[in-house]
Amino acid sequence: MRKLPVLLLAILMFLSTVFTGCTTEKEPEVSYWDVYKSTFSGGLTTLNPFTLSGTSQYTYIANIIEGLVETDIYGRFVPALAESWDTNEDTSVWTFHLREGEYWVDHNGEKTEWEVTA
């Protein structure tokens, strides 16, 4: 007697999974560049990295903009867009030597014809 309700429940669950996957409408295709998904609670108020008001906004920008240098897991500065850098005697002038062959990217993620220069 107990097997009959369990069997009916199993058949019902199977049928519900089969029929929920059936749909006649095709979902619209979304490009990777159309959607930026994040687990952060706040939105961006600006794309200017110098006027950020919170750490979650900084995390957005850090994933979008490539800097001249970045820090490694030990907090040391390592090259990013700059291959190397020098300073003068009193460290009032810094010179960054950029990597060759780096190009600007447009809003679609396509490389433009403009090379990144100083």
Protein backbone atom coordinates (compact mmCIF):
# COMPACT_ATOMS: atom_id res chain seq x y z
CA MET A 1 0.00 0.00 0.00
CA ARG A 2 2.83 2.42 0.76
CA LYS A 3 4.47 1.80 -2.60
CA LEU A 4 1.55 3.22 -4.59
CA PRO A 5 1.70 6.82 -3.19
CA VAL A 6 5.50 6.85 -3.53
CA LEU A 7 5.23 5.63 -7.13
CA LEU A 8 2.57 8.25 -7.95
CA LEU A 9 4.71 10.98 -6.39
CA ALA A 10 7.75 9.89 -8.41
CA ILE A 11 5.72 9.91 -11.65
CA LEU A 12 4.31 13.36 -10.82
CA MET A 13 7.79 14.75 -10.14
CA PHE A 14 9.10 13.29 -13.41
CA LEU A 15 6.25 14.72 -15.43
CA SER A 16 6.59 18.15 -13.81
CA THR A 17 10.29 18.33 -14.73
CA VAL A 18 9.60 17.20 -18.29
CA PHE A 19 6.81 19.72 -18.94
CA THR A 20 8.48 22.68 -17.23
CA GLY A 21 11.38 22.52 -19.68
CA CYS A 22 9.02 22.77 -22.68
CA THR A 23 8.46 26.26 -24.00
CA THR A 24 7.57 27.69 -27.37
CA GLU A 25 9.24 31.07 -26.82
CA LYS A 26 12.91 31.48 -27.61
CA GLU A 27 14.88 33.46 -25.05
CA PRO A 28 16.64 36.52 -26.47
CA GLU A 29 20.37 36.16 -26.97
CA VAL A 30 22.44 38.39 -24.70
CA SER A 31 26.01 39.23 -25.52
CA TYR A 32 28.72 38.87 -22.88
CA TRP A 33 29.40 42.59 -23.20
CA ASP A 34 25.73 43.57 -22.62
CA VAL A 35 25.58 42.33 -19.04
CA TYR A 36 27.98 42.89 -16.14
CA LYS A 37 27.03 40.64 -13.26
CA SER A 38 28.32 41.29 -9.78
CA THR A 39 27.78 40.13 -6.24
CA PHE A 40 28.14 43.62 -4.81
CA SER A 41 25.23 45.47 -3.29
CA GLY A 42 25.74 48.99 -4.62
CA GLY A 43 25.84 50.37 -8.11
CA LEU A 44 28.40 52.59 -9.77
CA THR A 45 27.94 56.32 -9.45
CA THR A 46 31.00 57.20 -11.55
CA LEU A 47 33.70 55.54 -13.65
CA ASN A 48 36.30 58.01 -12.41
CA PRO A 49 38.64 56.00 -10.15
CA PHE A 50 39.75 59.16 -8.32
CA THR A 51 36.27 60.00 -6.98
CA LEU A 52 35.17 56.59 -5.69
CA SER A 53 33.26 56.53 -2.44
CA GLY A 54 33.43 52.89 -1.37
CA THR A 55 35.34 49.65 -1.66
CA SER A 56 32.65 47.89 -3.69
CA GLN A 57 32.87 50.67 -6.29
CA TYR A 58 36.64 50.28 -6.33
CA THR A 59 36.24 46.57 -7.00
CA TYR A 60 34.09 47.33 -10.04
CA ILE A 61 36.67 49.74 -11.43
CA ALA A 62 39.58 47.40 -10.67
CA ASN A 63 37.93 44.79 -12.90
CA ILE A 64 37.40 47.27 -15.74
CA ILE A 65 40.54 49.44 -15.87
CA GLU A 66 44.13 48.23 -16.34
CA GLY A 67 46.66 50.30 -14.41
CA LEU A 68 50.33 50.98 -15.00
CA VAL A 69 51.28 48.80 -12.04
CA GLU A 70 49.40 46.50 -9.68
CA THR A 71 50.19 44.70 -6.46
CA ASP A 72 50.93 41.00 -6.17
CA ILE A 73 49.70 38.75 -3.36
CA TYR A 74 52.49 40.08 -1.10
CA GLY A 75 51.63 43.77 -1.66
CA ARG A 76 54.66 44.45 -3.88
CA PHE A 77 54.24 46.59 -7.00
CA VAL A 78 54.60 44.58 -10.20
CA PRO A 79 54.33 45.65 -13.86
CA ALA A 80 50.90 45.74 -15.46
CA LEU A 81 50.53 48.09 -18.44
CA ALA A 82 54.03 49.45 -17.78
CA GLU A 83 56.94 47.08 -18.37
CA SER A 84 59.24 49.03 -16.08
CA TRP A 85 59.67 52.44 -14.46
CA ASP A 86 62.44 54.76 -13.25
CA THR A 87 62.67 57.81 -11.05
CA ASN A 88 65.05 60.73 -10.86
CA GLU A 89 67.36 61.33 -7.88
CA ASP A 90 64.76 62.98 -5.61
CA THR A 91 61.84 60.83 -6.89
CA SER A 92 59.97 63.91 -8.13
CA VAL A 93 59.78 62.57 -11.71
CA TRP A 94 58.62 59.06 -12.57
CA THR A 95 59.00 57.58 -16.06
CA PHE A 96 56.91 54.55 -17.02
CA HIS A 97 57.92 52.43 -20.02
CA LEU A 98 54.75 50.98 -21.58
CA ARG A 99 54.43 47.52 -23.07
CA GLU A 100 54.56 47.42 -26.86
CA GLY A 101 51.52 46.31 -28.84
CA GLU A 102 48.79 47.37 -26.38
CA TYR A 103 45.68 48.86 -28.01
CA TRP A 104 42.62 50.69 -26.73
CA VAL A 105 39.41 48.67 -26.61
CA ASP A 106 35.96 50.01 -27.54
CA HIS A 107 32.66 49.48 -25.72
CA ASN A 108 32.14 46.16 -27.56
CA GLY A 109 35.45 44.74 -26.39
CA GLU A 110 36.96 45.06 -29.87
CA LYS A 111 40.55 46.23 -30.29
CA THR A 112 40.80 49.66 -31.96
CA GLU A 113 43.54 50.89 -34.31
CA TRP A 114 44.93 53.25 -31.63
CA GLU A 115 47.94 51.99 -29.72
CA VAL A 116 48.28 53.01 -26.07
CA THR A 117 50.99 55.67 -25.81
CA ALA A 118 52.19 58.08 -23.17
